[in-house]
Amino acid sequence: MNPLIALKDPDTGKVWKLDQFKEIKNVNADVYERWVINCVVPEEVLKNLIKVDFLEPILVKGKAILSLCAIFMRHAAPVWMPLNLGPRSHNCALRVACIDTRDGSQAVWVDERHTDSFLGPVLGLLGFPPVVTGLKVKHTEKVLEFDTKNNSVRCHLQKGQGEEETVFENDKHFDDYFCAGIRSYSPHGKGKRIEIIDLHKMKDNKFHKQEMKGFLQTPFGKWPVESVYLTENGLYQWVHEGKVA
């Protein structure tokens, strides 16, 4: 009997097979690094990025912050599969911390997700919001670069003295700001469908500021990087909660 889905890993030659349909709702990930690159942008940029009218961007000291969140996974797998069998991947997405004006709770707008994993398209086939493949990442001791498919998002960083004074007073201030929102809203394809995904931290890992400088380029503009933060060795679970009509 032929498998329902069979994909070959171009790096290792391993063939991933799925013999029966199993819907993906929850995904676990062992994350060895999570980077957040922040830029101060015009507030209008965030309002153009967010595609639902009930989310308002959170301003920090009166400034609008656009972040690129990058997650480097040792393993990622649906909950019905042993985590250590899941493949490695690099992933990133533009992110905006928000207030849900319907109830005053903190939330997140996560724009189109990108990955370098060949398994990205499978998520969409099995019920989880799809992820765009084609991400290229360069990660060395002194350089960190992201280039998405068709260069829609580019971020190039290098080791060096960043901004001495940033909008975040210290590591805790940033950690509290960034981790407050659990529920995220994201676009699905080119239509008006919006997906709801909750992100749960399974370990209490913290962010720390990194001395790096560079730029973030998006379809909305190009800006110098204001600050860079890193947390290591996290364990996360993404829960697909449905969609907004």
C-alpha atoms as a PDB file:
ATOM      1  CA  MET A   1       0.000   0.000   0.000  1.00  0.00           C
ATOM      2  CA  ASN A   2       1.416   3.409  -0.962  1.00  0.00           C
ATOM      3  CA  PRO A   3       1.760   5.948   1.859  1.00  0.00           C
ATOM      4  CA  LEU A   4      -0.646   8.880   1.999  1.00  0.00           C
ATOM      5  CA  ILE A   5       2.345  11.258   2.055  1.00  0.00           C
ATOM      6  CA  ALA A   6       6.025  10.524   1.380  1.00  0.00           C
ATOM      7  CA  LEU A   7       8.651  13.296   1.433  1.00  0.00           C
ATOM      8  CA  LYS A   8      12.420  12.947   1.144  1.00  0.00           C
ATOM      9  CA  ASP A   9      14.708  15.085   3.279  1.00  0.00           C
ATOM     10  CA  PRO A  10      17.132  16.653   0.763  1.00  0.00           C
ATOM     11  CA  ASP A  11      19.846  16.965   3.440  1.00  0.00           C
ATOM     12  CA  THR A  12      19.786  13.487   4.971  1.00  0.00           C
ATOM     13  CA  GLY A  13      18.030  11.385   2.319  1.00  0.00           C
ATOM     14  CA  LYS A  14      15.528  10.147   4.914  1.00  0.00           C
ATOM     15  CA  VAL A  15      12.003   9.570   3.598  1.00  0.00           C
ATOM     16  CA  TRP A  16       9.181  10.685   5.886  1.00  0.00           C
ATOM     17  CA  LYS A  17       6.032   8.619   5.402  1.00  0.00           C
ATOM     18  CA  LEU A  18       2.496   9.053   6.670  1.00  0.00           C
ATOM     19  CA  ASP A  19       0.351   5.979   6.083  1.00  0.00           C
ATOM     20  CA  GLN A  20      -2.925   7.370   7.360  1.00  0.00           C
ATOM     21  CA  PHE A  21      -4.550  10.738   7.852  1.00  0.00           C
ATOM     22  CA  LYS A  22      -3.840  12.200  11.278  1.00  0.00           C
ATOM     23  CA  GLU A  23      -4.969  15.750  11.798  1.00  0.00           C
ATOM     24  CA  ILE A  24      -2.370  18.092  13.297  1.00  0.00           C
ATOM     25  CA  LYS A  25      -3.747  20.388  15.978  1.00  0.00           C
ATOM     26  CA  ASN A  26      -0.905  20.607  18.490  1.00  0.00           C
ATOM     27  CA  VAL A  27       2.814  20.755  17.695  1.00  0.00           C
ATOM     28  CA  ASN A  28       5.653  20.345  20.205  1.00  0.00           C
ATOM     29  CA  ALA A  29       9.134  21.776  19.659  1.00  0.00           C
ATOM     30  CA  ASP A  30      12.515  21.446  21.334  1.00  0.00           C
ATOM     31  CA  VAL A  31      14.024  24.881  20.616  1.00  0.00           C
ATOM     32  CA  TYR A  32      17.752  25.427  21.028  1.00  0.00           C
ATOM     33  CA  GLU A  33      17.637  29.149  20.174  1.00  0.00           C
ATOM     34  CA  ARG A  34      14.886  31.736  19.890  1.00  0.00           C
ATOM     35  CA  TRP A  35      15.921  35.132  18.554  1.00  0.00           C
ATOM     36  CA  VAL A  36      13.888  38.337  18.586  1.00  0.00           C
ATOM     37  CA  ILE A  37      15.058  41.273  16.458  1.00  0.00           C
ATOM     38  CA  ASN A  38      13.272  44.562  17.204  1.00  0.00           C
ATOM     39  CA  CYS A  39      12.878  47.724  15.138  1.00  0.00           C
ATOM     40  CA  VAL A  40      11.173  51.031  15.899  1.00  0.00           C
ATOM     41  CA  VAL A  41       8.786  51.732  13.011  1.00  0.00           C
ATOM     42  CA  PRO A  42       5.998  54.215  12.203  1.00  0.00           C
ATOM     43  CA  GLU A  43       2.822  53.165  13.998  1.00  0.00           C
ATOM     44  CA  GLU A  44       1.021  53.121  10.643  1.00  0.00           C
ATOM     45  CA  VAL A  45       3.234  50.207   9.550  1.00  0.00           C
ATOM     46  CA  LEU A  46       1.874  47.996  12.322  1.00  0.00           C
ATOM     47  CA  LYS A  47      -1.718  48.975  11.591  1.00  0.00           C
ATOM     48  CA  ASN A  48      -1.217  48.034   7.929  1.00  0.00           C
ATOM     49  CA  LEU A  49       0.354  44.718   8.915  1.00  0.00           C
ATOM     50  CA  ILE A  50      -2.403  43.630  11.318  1.00  0.00           C
ATOM     51  CA  LYS A  51      -5.382  42.225   9.395  1.00  0.00           C
ATOM     52  CA  VAL A  52      -8.028  42.199  12.158  1.00  0.00           C
ATOM     53  CA  ASP A  53      -9.730  45.290  13.528  1.00  0.00           C
ATOM     54  CA  PHE A  54      -9.867  44.117  17.163  1.00  0.00           C
ATOM     55  CA  LEU A  55      -6.076  44.089  17.689  1.00  0.00           C
ATOM     56  CA  GLU A  56      -4.224  47.288  18.574  1.00  0.00           C
ATOM     57  CA  PRO A  57      -0.406  47.350  18.705  1.00  0.00           C
ATOM     58  CA  ILE A  58       1.209  47.899  22.094  1.00  0.00           C
ATOM     59  CA  LEU A  59       3.472  50.942  22.160  1.00  0.00           C
ATOM     60  CA  VAL A  60       6.612  50.881  24.320  1.00  0.00           C
ATOM     61  CA  LYS A  61       7.437  54.325  25.698  1.00  0.00           C
ATOM     62  CA  GLY A  62       5.250  55.707  22.925  1.00  0.00           C
ATOM     63  CA  LYS A  63       7.109  53.839  20.175  1.00  0.00           C
ATOM     64  CA  ALA A  64       5.799  51.192  17.766  1.00  0.00           C
ATOM     65  CA  ILE A  65       7.861  47.983  17.745  1.00  0.00           C
ATOM     66  CA  LEU A  66       8.019  45.489  14.875  1.00  0.00           C
ATOM     67  CA  SER A  67       9.819  42.247  15.720  1.00  0.00           C
ATOM     68  CA  LEU A  68      11.211  39.376  13.722  1.00  0.00           C
ATOM     69  CA  CYS A  69      10.883  36.230  15.829  1.00  0.00           C
ATOM     70  CA  ALA A  70      13.165  33.370  14.764  1.00  0.00           C
ATOM     71  CA  ILE A  71      12.931  29.874  16.226  1.00  0.00           C
ATOM     72  CA  PHE A  72      15.672  27.278  15.715  1.00  0.00           C
ATOM     73  CA  MET A  73      14.346  23.793  16.478  1.00  0.00           C
ATOM     74  CA  ARG A  74      16.279  20.648  17.368  1.00  0.00           C
ATOM     75  CA  HIS A  75      13.081  18.707  16.854  1.00  0.00           C
ATOM     76  CA  ALA A  76       9.445  19.513  16.079  1.00  0.00           C
ATOM     77  CA  ALA A  77       6.574  17.044  15.862  1.00  0.00           C
ATOM     78  CA  PRO A  78       2.803  16.750  16.290  1.00  0.00           C
ATOM     79  CA  VAL A  79       1.792  15.566  19.752  1.00  0.00           C
ATOM     80  CA  TRP A  80       0.931  12.082  18.456  1.00  0.00           C
ATOM     81  CA  MET A  81       4.557  11.565  17.345  1.00  0.00           C
ATOM     82  CA  PRO A  82       7.649  11.190  19.602  1.00  0.00           C
ATOM     83  CA  LEU A  83       9.327  14.603  19.711  1.00  0.00           C
ATOM     84  CA  ASN A  84      12.850  13.225  19.263  1.00  0.00           C
ATOM     85  CA  LEU A  85      11.818  11.789  15.868  1.00  0.00           C
ATOM     86  CA  GLY A  86      10.874  15.188  14.480  1.00  0.00           C
ATOM     87  CA  PRO A  87      13.280  17.026  12.135  1.00  0.00           C
ATOM     88  CA  ARG A  88      15.419  20.127  12.756  1.00  0.00           C
ATOM     89  CA  SER A  89      14.458  23.450  11.207  1.00  0.00           C
ATOM     90  CA  HIS A  90      14.923  27.218  11.185  1.00  0.00           C
ATOM     91  CA  ASN A  91      11.753  29.334  11.256  1.00  0.00           C
ATOM     92  CA  CYS A  92      10.824  33.016  11.437  1.00  0.00           C
ATOM     93  CA  ALA A  93       7.914  35.444  11.222  1.00  0.00           C
ATOM     94  CA  LEU A  94       7.168  39.127  11.723  1.00  0.00           C
ATOM     95  CA  ARG A  95       5.471  39.687  15.080  1.00  0.00           C
ATOM     96  CA  VAL A  96       3.587  42.502  16.811  1.00  0.00           C
ATOM     97  CA  ALA A  97       2.563  42.564  20.479  1.00  0.00           C
ATOM     98  CA  CYS A  98      -1.079  43.661  20.714  1.00  0.00           C
ATOM     99  CA  ILE A  99      -4.060  44.360  22.934  1.00  0.00           C
ATOM    100  CA  ASP A 100      -7.314  42.591  22.095  1.00  0.00           C
ATOM    101  CA  THR A 101      -9.759  45.496  22.349  1.00  0.00           C
ATOM    102  CA  ARG A 102     -12.687  43.102  22.866  1.00  0.00           C
ATOM    103  CA  ASP A 103     -11.588  42.171  26.388  1.00  0.00           C
ATOM    104  CA  GLY A 104      -8.344  44.055  27.071  1.00  0.00           C
ATOM    105  CA  SER A 105      -6.195  40.907  27.052  1.00  0.00           C
ATOM    106  CA  GLN A 106      -2.720  40.792  25.529  1.00  0.00           C
ATOM    107  CA  ALA A 107      -2.363  38.965  22.221  1.00  0.00           C
ATOM    108  CA  VAL A 108      -0.025  38.742  19.252  1.00  0.00           C
ATOM    109  CA  TRP A 109      -0.219  39.303  15.515  1.00  0.00           C
ATOM    110  CA  VAL A 110       2.110  36.830  13.763  1.00  0.00           C
ATOM    111  CA  ASP A 111       2.448  37.443  10.057  1.00  0.00           C
ATOM    112  CA  GLU A 112       3.271  34.830   7.418  1.00  0.00           C
ATOM    113  CA  ARG A 113       5.480  32.060   8.864  1.00  0.00           C
ATOM    114  CA  HIS A 114       8.638  30.951   7.022  1.00  0.00           C
ATOM    115  CA  THR A 115      10.768  27.796   7.325  1.00  0.00           C
ATOM    116  CA  ASP A 116      13.709  26.019   5.734  1.00  0.00           C
ATOM    117  CA  SER A 117      12.079  22.630   6.418  1.00  0.00           C
ATOM    118  CA  PHE A 118      10.891  20.565   3.474  1.00  0.00           C
ATOM    119  CA  LEU A 119       7.998  19.419   5.687  1.00  0.00           C
ATOM    120  CA  GLY A 120       6.408  22.894   5.843  1.00  0.00           C
ATOM    121  CA  PRO A 121       3.702  22.179   3.223  1.00  0.00           C
ATOM    122  CA  VAL A 122       2.568  19.042   5.081  1.00  0.00           C
ATOM    123  CA  LEU A 123       1.173  21.124   7.942  1.00  0.00           C
ATOM    124  CA  GLY A 124      -1.373  22.731   5.625  1.00  0.00           C
ATOM    125  CA  LEU A 125      -2.438  19.354   4.239  1.00  0.00           C
ATOM    126  CA  LEU A 126      -3.111  17.977   7.715  1.00  0.00           C
ATOM    127  CA  GLY A 127      -5.106  20.849   9.160  1.00  0.00           C
ATOM    128  CA  PHE A 128      -2.433  23.059  10.776  1.00  0.00           C
ATOM    129  CA  PRO A 129      -1.829  26.516   9.275  1.00  0.00           C
ATOM    130  CA  PRO A 130       0.696  26.210   6.420  1.00  0.00           C
ATOM    131  CA  VAL A 131       4.260  27.528   6.605  1.00  0.00           C
ATOM    132  CA  VAL A 132       6.092  29.005   3.615  1.00  0.00           C
ATOM    133  CA  THR A 133       9.259  27.126   2.627  1.00  0.00           C
ATOM    134  CA  GLY A 134      12.370  28.641   1.098  1.00  0.00           C
ATOM    135  CA  LEU A 135      13.843  30.398   4.151  1.00  0.00           C
ATOM    136  CA  LYS A 136      17.637  30.723   4.058  1.00  0.00           C
ATOM    137  CA  VAL A 137      19.581  31.234   7.285  1.00  0.00           C
ATOM    138  CA  LYS A 138      23.266  32.021   7.806  1.00  0.00           C
ATOM    139  CA  HIS A 139      24.341  31.547  11.411  1.00  0.00           C
ATOM    140  CA  THR A 140      27.957  31.915  12.463  1.00  0.00           C
ATOM    141  CA  GLU A 141      29.731  33.216  15.549  1.00  0.00           C
ATOM    142  CA  LYS A 142      29.637  36.791  14.217  1.00  0.00           C
ATOM    143  CA  VAL A 143      26.784  36.841  11.686  1.00  0.00           C
ATOM    144  CA  LEU A 144      23.066  36.021  11.686  1.00  0.00           C
ATOM    145  CA  GLU A 145      21.117  36.438   8.438  1.00  0.00           C
ATOM    146  CA  PHE A 146      17.571  35.608   7.317  1.00  0.00           C
ATOM    147  CA  ASP A 147      16.321  35.724   3.734  1.00  0.00           C
ATOM    148  CA  THR A 148      12.794  34.484   3.029  1.00  0.00           C
ATOM    149  CA  LYS A 149      11.401  33.218  -0.253  1.00  0.00           C
ATOM    150  CA  ASN A 150      11.427  35.982  -2.888  1.00  0.00           C
ATOM    151  CA  ASN A 151      13.241  38.179  -0.304  1.00  0.00           C
ATOM    152  CA  SER A 152       9.921  39.360   1.133  1.00  0.00           C
ATOM    153  CA  VAL A 153      11.649  39.613   4.526  1.00  0.00           C
ATOM    154  CA  ARG A 154      15.397  40.062   5.002  1.00  0.00           C
ATOM    155  CA  CYS A 155      17.338  40.573   8.202  1.00  0.00           C
ATOM    156  CA  HIS A 156      21.120  40.784   8.400  1.00  0.00           C
ATOM    157  CA  LEU A 157      22.927  41.096  11.745  1.00  0.00           C
ATOM    158  CA  GLN A 158      26.532  41.146  12.853  1.00  0.00           C
ATOM    159  CA  LYS A 159      28.244  41.162  16.212  1.00  0.00           C
ATOM    160  CA  GLY A 160      28.932  44.664  17.427  1.00  0.00           C
ATOM    161  CA  GLN A 161      27.825  47.381  19.784  1.00  0.00           C
ATOM    162  CA  GLY A 162      24.086  47.851  19.396  1.00  0.00           C
ATOM    163  CA  GLU A 163      22.040  50.801  20.552  1.00  0.00           C
ATOM    164  CA  GLU A 164      23.195  51.769  24.058  1.00  0.00           C
ATOM    165  CA  GLU A 165      19.756  53.004  25.053  1.00  0.00           C
ATOM    166  CA  THR A 166      16.774  51.034  23.816  1.00  0.00           C
ATOM    167  CA  VAL A 167      13.054  51.220  24.524  1.00  0.00           C
ATOM    168  CA  PHE A 168      13.431  48.219  26.853  1.00  0.00           C
ATOM    169  CA  GLU A 169      14.916  49.091  30.229  1.00  0.00           C
ATOM    170  CA  ASN A 170      16.440  45.661  30.899  1.00  0.00           C
ATOM    171  CA  ASP A 171      16.073  41.966  30.075  1.00  0.00           C
ATOM    172  CA  LYS A 172      13.092  41.509  32.394  1.00  0.00           C
ATOM    173  CA  HIS A 173      11.259  44.451  30.831  1.00  0.00           C
ATOM    174  CA  PHE A 174      11.630  42.874  27.398  1.00  0.00           C
ATOM    175  CA  ASP A 175      10.770  39.366  28.629  1.00  0.00           C
ATOM    176  CA  ASP A 176       7.582  40.612  30.294  1.00  0.00           C
ATOM    177  CA  TYR A 177       6.581  42.556  27.156  1.00  0.00           C
ATOM    178  CA  PHE A 178       7.302  39.773  24.685  1.00  0.00           C
ATOM    179  CA  CYS A 179       5.937  36.789  26.607  1.00  0.00           C
ATOM    180  CA  ALA A 180       2.691  38.369  27.867  1.00  0.00           C
ATOM    181  CA  GLY A 181       0.622  37.395  24.820  1.00  0.00           C
ATOM    182  CA  ILE A 182      -0.143  33.692  24.370  1.00  0.00           C
ATOM    183  CA  ARG A 183      -2.904  33.815  21.761  1.00  0.00           C
ATOM    184  CA  SER A 184      -1.747  34.742  18.267  1.00  0.00           C
ATOM    185  CA  TYR A 185      -3.628  35.605  15.087  1.00  0.00           C
ATOM    186  CA  SER A 186      -2.129  34.914  11.646  1.00  0.00           C
ATOM    187  CA  PRO A 187      -3.155  35.214   7.987  1.00  0.00           C
ATOM    188  CA  HIS A 188      -3.937  32.032   6.084  1.00  0.00           C
ATOM    189  CA  GLY A 189      -2.822  32.154   2.446  1.00  0.00           C
ATOM    190  CA  LYS A 190      -4.082  34.994   0.274  1.00  0.00           C
ATOM    191  CA  GLY A 191      -7.672  34.977   1.504  1.00  0.00           C
ATOM    192  CA  LYS A 192      -9.289  36.673   4.493  1.00  0.00           C
ATOM    193  CA  ARG A 193      -9.097  33.655   6.781  1.00  0.00           C
ATOM    194  CA  ILE A 194      -7.297  34.274  10.082  1.00  0.00           C
ATOM    195  CA  GLU A 195      -5.910  31.396  12.163  1.00  0.00           C
ATOM    196  CA  ILE A 196      -5.758  31.344  15.976  1.00  0.00           C
ATOM    197  CA  ILE A 197      -2.730  29.635  17.517  1.00  0.00           C
ATOM    198  CA  ASP A 198      -1.810  29.639  21.210  1.00  0.00           C
ATOM    199  CA  LEU A 199       1.863  29.301  22.151  1.00  0.00           C
ATOM    200  CA  HIS A 200       2.656  27.707  25.504  1.00  0.00           C
ATOM    201  CA  LYS A 201       6.113  27.759  27.133  1.00  0.00           C
ATOM    202  CA  MET A 202       6.817  24.401  28.776  1.00  0.00           C
ATOM    203  CA  LYS A 203      10.092  25.655  30.343  1.00  0.00           C
ATOM    204  CA  ASP A 204      10.781  28.968  32.063  1.00  0.00           C
ATOM    205  CA  ASN A 205      13.643  30.109  29.826  1.00  0.00           C
ATOM    206  CA  LYS A 206      14.415  33.855  29.771  1.00  0.00           C
ATOM    207  CA  PHE A 207      15.560  36.350  27.124  1.00  0.00           C
ATOM    208  CA  HIS A 208      18.904  38.165  27.290  1.00  0.00           C
ATOM    209  CA  LYS A 209      20.057  41.148  25.229  1.00  0.00           C
ATOM    210  CA  GLN A 210      22.721  40.528  22.559  1.00  0.00           C
ATOM    211  CA  GLU A 211      25.236  43.038  21.229  1.00  0.00           C
ATOM    212  CA  MET A 212      24.348  42.960  17.548  1.00  0.00           C
ATOM    213  CA  LYS A 213      23.497  45.518  14.888  1.00  0.00           C
ATOM    214  CA  GLY A 214      22.002  45.389  11.405  1.00  0.00           C
ATOM    215  CA  PHE A 215      18.793  45.936   9.483  1.00  0.00           C
ATOM    216  CA  LEU A 216      15.333  44.456   8.939  1.00  0.00           C
ATOM    217  CA  GLN A 217      13.749  44.789   5.500  1.00  0.00           C
ATOM    218  CA  THR A 218      10.066  43.985   4.904  1.00  0.00           C
ATOM    219  CA  PRO A 219       7.453  44.802   2.246  1.00  0.00           C
ATOM    220  CA  PHE A 220       6.567  47.809   4.450  1.00  0.00           C
ATOM    221  CA  GLY A 221      10.038  49.330   4.668  1.00  0.00           C
ATOM    222  CA  LYS A 222      13.612  48.898   5.888  1.00  0.00           C
ATOM    223  CA  TRP A 223      14.816  49.906   9.353  1.00  0.00           C
ATOM    224  CA  PRO A 224      17.931  49.692  11.540  1.00  0.00           C
ATOM    225  CA  VAL A 225      17.731  47.102  14.295  1.00  0.00           C
ATOM    226  CA  GLU A 226      16.955  48.639  17.674  1.00  0.00           C
ATOM    227  CA  SER A 227      17.702  45.614  19.880  1.00  0.00           C
ATOM    228  CA  VAL A 228      18.291  41.853  19.698  1.00  0.00           C
ATOM    229  CA  TYR A 229      17.334  39.276  22.326  1.00  0.00           C
ATOM    230  CA  LEU A 230      18.062  35.554  22.644  1.00  0.00           C
ATOM    231  CA  THR A 231      16.711  32.727  24.777  1.00  0.00           C
ATOM    232  CA  GLU A 232      18.078  29.193  24.656  1.00  0.00           C
ATOM    233  CA  ASN A 233      16.921  25.615  25.276  1.00  0.00           C
ATOM    234  CA  GLY A 234      13.178  26.154  25.383  1.00  0.00           C
ATOM    235  CA  LEU A 235      10.341  23.690  25.080  1.00  0.00           C
ATOM    236  CA  TYR A 236       7.158  24.976  23.413  1.00  0.00           C
ATOM    237  CA  GLN A 237       3.754  23.782  22.277  1.00  0.00           C
ATOM    238  CA  TRP A 238       1.665  25.409  19.549  1.00  0.00           C
ATOM    239  CA  VAL A 239      -2.080  24.746  19.847  1.00  0.00           C
ATOM    240  CA  HIS A 240      -4.292  25.442  16.833  1.00  0.00           C
ATOM    241  CA  GLU A 241      -7.506  26.884  18.300  1.00  0.00           C
ATOM    242  CA  GLY A 242      -9.423  27.457  15.054  1.00  0.00           C
ATOM    243  CA  LYS A 243     -10.015  30.478  12.890  1.00  0.00           C
ATOM    244  CA  VAL A 244     -11.675  33.875  12.773  1.00  0.00           C
ATOM    245  CA  ALA A 245     -14.480  34.165  10.250  1.00  0.00           C
END
